[in-house]
C-alpha atoms as a PDB file:
ATOM      1  CA  MET A   1     -40.620   1.251 115.800  1.00  0.00           C
ATOM      2  CA  MET A   2     -41.545   0.401 112.314  1.00  0.00           C
ATOM      3  CA  ARG A   3     -38.145  -0.588 111.716  1.00  0.00           C
ATOM      4  CA  THR A   4     -37.863  -2.999 114.670  1.00  0.00           C
ATOM      5  CA  SER A   5     -41.032  -4.690 113.434  1.00  0.00           C
ATOM      6  CA  TRP A   6     -39.770  -4.964 110.199  1.00  0.00           C
ATOM      7  CA  MET A   7     -36.659  -6.622 111.277  1.00  0.00           C
ATOM      8  CA  LEU A   8     -38.306  -8.977 113.606  1.00  0.00           C
ATOM      9  CA  LEU A   9     -40.726  -9.970 110.716  1.00  0.00           C
ATOM     10  CA  ALA A  10     -37.705 -10.657 108.380  1.00  0.00           C
ATOM     11  CA  ALA A  11     -35.864 -12.395 111.032  1.00  0.00           C
ATOM     12  CA  THR A  12     -38.957 -14.628 111.860  1.00  0.00           C
ATOM     13  CA  ALA A  13     -39.346 -15.264 108.255  1.00  0.00           C
ATOM     14  CA  PHE A  14     -35.741 -16.396 107.669  1.00  0.00           C
ATOM     15  CA  THR A  15     -36.118 -18.677 110.616  1.00  0.00           C
ATOM     16  CA  ALA A  16     -39.061 -20.264 109.258  1.00  0.00           C
ATOM     17  CA  ALA A  17     -37.527 -20.860 105.965  1.00  0.00           C
ATOM     18  CA  LEU A  18     -34.373 -22.304 107.430  1.00  0.00           C
ATOM     19  CA  ALA A  19     -36.712 -24.707 109.552  1.00  0.00           C
ATOM     20  CA  SER A  20     -38.401 -26.035 106.456  1.00  0.00           C
ATOM     21  CA  ALA A  21     -35.729 -26.182 104.050  1.00  0.00           C
ATOM     22  CA  PRO A  22     -34.521 -29.556 103.458  1.00  0.00           C
ATOM     23  CA  THR A  23     -31.127 -30.248 105.289  1.00  0.00           C
ATOM     24  CA  LEU A  24     -28.571 -32.963 104.927  1.00  0.00           C
ATOM     25  CA  ALA A  25     -29.072 -35.584 107.728  1.00  0.00           C
ATOM     26  CA  ALA A  26     -26.039 -36.637 109.467  1.00  0.00           C
ATOM     27  CA  ASP A  27     -27.262 -40.231 108.413  1.00  0.00           C
ATOM     28  CA  ASP A  28     -26.994 -39.260 104.676  1.00  0.00           C
ATOM     29  CA  GLU A  29     -23.254 -39.224 104.942  1.00  0.00           C
ATOM     30  CA  CYS A  30     -23.485 -42.504 106.554  1.00  0.00           C
ATOM     31  CA  THR A  31     -25.217 -43.944 103.571  1.00  0.00           C
ATOM     32  CA  LEU A  32     -23.029 -44.691 100.416  1.00  0.00           C
ATOM     33  CA  THR A  33     -24.321 -45.937  97.042  1.00  0.00           C
ATOM     34  CA  ILE A  34     -22.378 -47.780  94.470  1.00  0.00           C
ATOM     35  CA  GLU A  35     -23.316 -49.261  90.966  1.00  0.00           C
ATOM     36  CA  GLY A  36     -22.352 -52.390  89.244  1.00  0.00           C
ATOM     37  CA  ASN A  37     -22.976 -52.920  85.517  1.00  0.00           C
ATOM     38  CA  ASP A  38     -23.014 -55.670  82.977  1.00  0.00           C
ATOM     39  CA  GLN A  39     -19.347 -54.598  81.875  1.00  0.00           C
ATOM     40  CA  MET A  40     -18.065 -55.988  85.177  1.00  0.00           C
ATOM     41  CA  GLN A  41     -17.573 -52.371  86.496  1.00  0.00           C
ATOM     42  CA  PHE A  42     -18.039 -50.667  89.776  1.00  0.00           C
ATOM     43  CA  ASN A  43     -18.849 -46.987  89.087  1.00  0.00           C
ATOM     44  CA  LYS A  44     -16.440 -46.148  92.056  1.00  0.00           C
ATOM     45  CA  GLU A  45     -12.897 -46.976  93.025  1.00  0.00           C
ATOM     46  CA  GLU A  46     -12.921 -45.334  96.372  1.00  0.00           C
ATOM     47  CA  MET A  47     -15.538 -45.120  99.025  1.00  0.00           C
ATOM     48  CA  THR A  48     -15.011 -42.994 102.190  1.00  0.00           C
ATOM     49  CA  VAL A  49     -17.280 -42.582 105.140  1.00  0.00           C
ATOM     50  CA  PRO A  50     -16.688 -39.935 108.005  1.00  0.00           C
ATOM     51  CA  ALA A  51     -15.362 -40.950 111.284  1.00  0.00           C
ATOM     52  CA  SER A  52     -18.653 -39.454 112.958  1.00  0.00           C
ATOM     53  CA  CYS A  53     -20.754 -42.562 111.575  1.00  0.00           C
ATOM     54  CA  GLU A  54     -20.997 -45.337 114.083  1.00  0.00           C
ATOM     55  CA  GLU A  55     -22.712 -47.317 111.168  1.00  0.00           C
ATOM     56  CA  VAL A  56     -22.562 -47.098 107.502  1.00  0.00           C
ATOM     57  CA  THR A  57     -25.006 -48.609 104.966  1.00  0.00           C
ATOM     58  CA  VAL A  58     -23.678 -49.547 101.522  1.00  0.00           C
ATOM     59  CA  GLU A  59     -26.322 -49.826  98.810  1.00  0.00           C
ATOM     60  CA  LEU A  60     -25.591 -51.796  95.645  1.00  0.00           C
ATOM     61  CA  GLN A  61     -27.538 -50.962  92.615  1.00  0.00           C
ATOM     62  CA  HIS A  62     -26.991 -53.351  89.637  1.00  0.00           C
ATOM     63  CA  THR A  63     -27.609 -51.096  86.579  1.00  0.00           C
ATOM     64  CA  GLY A  64     -27.235 -53.714  83.997  1.00  0.00           C
ATOM     65  CA  GLU A  65     -29.780 -56.265  82.633  1.00  0.00           C
ATOM     66  CA  MET A  66     -27.979 -59.630  83.050  1.00  0.00           C
ATOM     67  CA  ALA A  67     -29.285 -62.280  85.385  1.00  0.00           C
ATOM     68  CA  VAL A  68     -27.547 -62.935  88.544  1.00  0.00           C
ATOM     69  CA  ASP A  69     -26.527 -66.357  87.495  1.00  0.00           C
ATOM     70  CA  VAL A  70     -24.707 -64.742  84.409  1.00  0.00           C
ATOM     71  CA  MET A  71     -23.494 -61.334  85.837  1.00  0.00           C
ATOM     72  CA  GLY A  72     -24.301 -61.235  89.452  1.00  0.00           C
ATOM     73  CA  HIS A  73     -22.782 -58.549  91.702  1.00  0.00           C
ATOM     74  CA  ASN A  74     -22.219 -58.106  95.469  1.00  0.00           C
ATOM     75  CA  TRP A  75     -20.271 -55.723  97.544  1.00  0.00           C
ATOM     76  CA  VAL A  76     -17.650 -57.503 100.072  1.00  0.00           C
ATOM     77  CA  LEU A  77     -15.635 -55.651 102.478  1.00  0.00           C
ATOM     78  CA  THR A  78     -12.198 -57.097 104.065  1.00  0.00           C
ATOM     79  CA  GLU A  79      -8.964 -55.906 105.017  1.00  0.00           C
ATOM     80  CA  SER A  80      -6.768 -55.472 101.987  1.00  0.00           C
ATOM     81  CA  SER A  81      -4.350 -58.047 103.038  1.00  0.00           C
ATOM     82  CA  VAL A  82      -6.837 -60.726 102.509  1.00  0.00           C
ATOM     83  CA  SER A  83      -9.299 -59.415  99.937  1.00  0.00           C
ATOM     84  CA  GLN A  84      -7.882 -61.604  97.035  1.00  0.00           C
ATOM     85  CA  GLU A  85      -7.601 -64.746  99.248  1.00  0.00           C
ATOM     86  CA  VAL A  86     -11.255 -64.325 100.388  1.00  0.00           C
ATOM     87  CA  ALA A  87     -12.498 -63.896  96.732  1.00  0.00           C
ATOM     88  CA  THR A  88     -10.596 -66.852  95.687  1.00  0.00           C
ATOM     89  CA  ALA A  89     -12.009 -68.957  98.281  1.00  0.00           C
ATOM     90  CA  GLY A  90     -15.551 -67.988  97.650  1.00  0.00           C
ATOM     91  CA  MET A  91     -15.376 -68.884  93.913  1.00  0.00           C
ATOM     92  CA  GLN A  92     -15.789 -72.568  94.902  1.00  0.00           C
ATOM     93  CA  THR A  93     -18.806 -71.812  97.308  1.00  0.00           C
ATOM     94  CA  GLY A  94     -21.542 -71.093  94.369  1.00  0.00           C
ATOM     95  CA  LEU A  95     -24.141 -68.581  93.909  1.00  0.00           C
ATOM     96  CA  ASP A  96     -26.376 -69.845  96.952  1.00  0.00           C
ATOM     97  CA  ASN A  97     -23.447 -68.819  99.302  1.00  0.00           C
ATOM     98  CA  ASP A  98     -22.880 -65.569  97.259  1.00  0.00           C
ATOM     99  CA  TYR A  99     -19.477 -66.905  96.213  1.00  0.00           C
ATOM    100  CA  LEU A 100     -18.313 -66.355  99.724  1.00  0.00           C
ATOM    101  CA  PRO A 101     -16.607 -68.594 102.125  1.00  0.00           C
ATOM    102  CA  GLN A 102     -19.259 -69.130 104.815  1.00  0.00           C
ATOM    103  CA  ASP A 103     -18.703 -67.974 108.500  1.00  0.00           C
ATOM    104  CA  ASP A 104     -15.211 -66.392 107.448  1.00  0.00           C
ATOM    105  CA  ASP A 105     -14.192 -63.812 110.015  1.00  0.00           C
ATOM    106  CA  ARG A 106     -12.061 -61.993 107.535  1.00  0.00           C
ATOM    107  CA  ILE A 107     -15.374 -60.581 105.796  1.00  0.00           C
ATOM    108  CA  ILE A 108     -16.265 -57.365 107.436  1.00  0.00           C
ATOM    109  CA  ALA A 109     -19.470 -57.093 105.627  1.00  0.00           C
ATOM    110  CA  HIS A 110     -21.147 -58.187 102.262  1.00  0.00           C
ATOM    111  CA  THR A 111     -24.358 -57.971 100.468  1.00  0.00           C
ATOM    112  CA  GLU A 112     -26.096 -60.516  98.765  1.00  0.00           C
ATOM    113  CA  MET A 113     -25.463 -61.261  94.981  1.00  0.00           C
ATOM    114  CA  VAL A 114     -27.888 -59.475  92.919  1.00  0.00           C
ATOM    115  CA  GLY A 115     -28.732 -59.281  89.156  1.00  0.00           C
ATOM    116  CA  GLY A 116     -29.822 -56.815  86.630  1.00  0.00           C
ATOM    117  CA  GLY A 117     -32.269 -54.088  87.745  1.00  0.00           C
ATOM    118  CA  GLU A 118     -31.746 -55.314  91.582  1.00  0.00           C
ATOM    119  CA  THR A 119     -30.475 -53.313  94.512  1.00  0.00           C
ATOM    120  CA  THR A 120     -29.278 -54.626  97.942  1.00  0.00           C
ATOM    121  CA  SER A 121     -27.581 -53.293 100.922  1.00  0.00           C
ATOM    122  CA  VAL A 122     -25.563 -54.057 104.030  1.00  0.00           C
ATOM    123  CA  THR A 123     -25.319 -52.028 107.322  1.00  0.00           C
ATOM    124  CA  PHE A 124     -22.404 -52.593 109.509  1.00  0.00           C
ATOM    125  CA  SER A 125     -20.518 -50.845 112.384  1.00  0.00           C
ATOM    126  CA  THR A 126     -17.559 -48.896 111.649  1.00  0.00           C
ATOM    127  CA  ALA A 127     -16.033 -49.522 115.273  1.00  0.00           C
ATOM    128  CA  ASP A 128     -12.346 -50.352 114.840  1.00  0.00           C
ATOM    129  CA  LEU A 129     -12.275 -49.618 111.023  1.00  0.00           C
ATOM    130  CA  ALA A 130     -10.595 -46.245 111.180  1.00  0.00           C
ATOM    131  CA  GLY A 131      -7.206 -46.222 109.762  1.00  0.00           C
ATOM    132  CA  LYS A 132      -7.364 -49.736 108.456  1.00  0.00           C
ATOM    133  CA  ASP A 133      -6.300 -50.533 105.068  1.00  0.00           C
ATOM    134  CA  LEU A 134      -9.804 -51.833 103.550  1.00  0.00           C
ATOM    135  CA  THR A 135     -10.834 -53.130 100.258  1.00  0.00           C
ATOM    136  CA  PHE A 136     -14.449 -53.760  98.832  1.00  0.00           C
ATOM    137  CA  PHE A 137     -14.851 -56.098  95.792  1.00  0.00           C
ATOM    138  CA  CYS A 138     -17.196 -58.234  94.003  1.00  0.00           C
ATOM    139  CA  SER A 139     -17.040 -61.855  94.536  1.00  0.00           C
ATOM    140  CA  PHE A 140     -18.701 -63.300  91.615  1.00  0.00           C
ATOM    141  CA  PRO A 141     -16.055 -65.530  89.881  1.00  0.00           C
ATOM    142  CA  GLY A 142     -13.749 -63.537  87.608  1.00  0.00           C
ATOM    143  CA  HIS A 143     -15.053 -60.075  88.761  1.00  0.00           C
ATOM    144  CA  TYR A 144     -12.419 -59.422  91.734  1.00  0.00           C
ATOM    145  CA  SER A 145      -9.794 -57.971  89.145  1.00  0.00           C
ATOM    146  CA  PRO A 146     -11.861 -55.399  87.463  1.00  0.00           C
ATOM    147  CA  MET A 147     -14.441 -54.689  90.353  1.00  0.00           C
ATOM    148  CA  HIS A 148     -12.434 -53.547  93.457  1.00  0.00           C
ATOM    149  CA  GLY A 149     -11.528 -50.484  95.216  1.00  0.00           C
ATOM    150  CA  THR A 150     -10.532 -49.049  98.459  1.00  0.00           C
ATOM    151  CA  PHE A 151     -12.751 -48.271 101.400  1.00  0.00           C
ATOM    152  CA  THR A 152     -12.021 -45.660 104.135  1.00  0.00           C
ATOM    153  CA  VAL A 153     -13.253 -44.902 107.536  1.00  0.00           C
ATOM    154  CA  GLU A 154     -11.749 -41.533 108.172  1.00  0.00           C
ATOM    155  CA  GLN A 155     -10.047 -41.012 111.444  1.00  0.00           C
ATOM    156  CA  GLU A 156     -11.202 -38.240 113.869  1.00  0.00           C
END
């Protein structure tokens, strides 16, 4: 009888500990963070989100100190085959348009342009993105070449 009570007490304590322990919420794997700095670099060349995420949020943190009009960064997602074309087309549109062609269906998602110490984010659907060849980049003029990478939505 004493042994059963002890085991029941231990099981109850274990269950309570599990319930109160922090867990990795499913949403956490659907939120990705990337940093851009004053040296025209992202801290990641690849970003991956699991197929279970119906939406993904990408948070861009500008870890530098320079102003947006001098060393601004954004995060733009397109299919790889058109990424450089979109970046080139955006150079003419100006900072007010985040150096992106307006109403361009080739742009899957993008953040606003931010300067040093600022953070921005974008949330978008992953529907129909699994298996596609995708590229993320910064569209500030001259930043495309050093600031781009691959974005993958895993297939189930």
